[in-house]
């Protein structure tokens, strides 16, 4: 291709373009703006932050499922059979009560964690937690199953047993709380005096 042909093409193009004006620039999305956070993102962020800041280690995942009328029985190694029998028979004074009726699993989780820790701090030894049987919950016995899972995870809990009918039967638990260090020391001193 010669320079003359090339110049003719350019001249023809320029002649055709006479009177043409450039298009106006259209508005484009500002990709630098921060996007609005959706409610779902806020919930996931809060849940992720809770993992690092929430001292409550009780999980809402995978409880050991029990049935509405099951009797719940559990004790740590070292709890004497006579002590456990007295708990089972409701022979200890109930020093505090927690009622979980009409609570969501999340609310129950918070209440149980706080209640057990408060009982330990105030040196309460035998308490009652009313959870209901959960016959109408979906799935059945949901809160009861959570308690059955959570209580053994708490270091302060020594034992629990479903209550006598007068205290709620299979819809409530007697819970035995570990002695505080001060109570243990007093107990040792009391037994030492008896032996001398």
Foldseek 3Di string as FASTA:
>chain_A
DDPVVVVVVVVVVVVVCPPPDDDDDDDDDDPVDDDDDDPVNVVVVVVVVCVVVPPLPQDPPDFDDDALQDKAWDFDPPPDPVNSVCQAQVVDDAPEEAECPPHDLVRLSVCVVVVLVVCQVVFNFKHKYFAHSQCPPVVRNSNVRSCSRPQVVDPQWGIKIAHDVVRPGSRMIITGGHGDPVVVVVVVVVVVVVVD
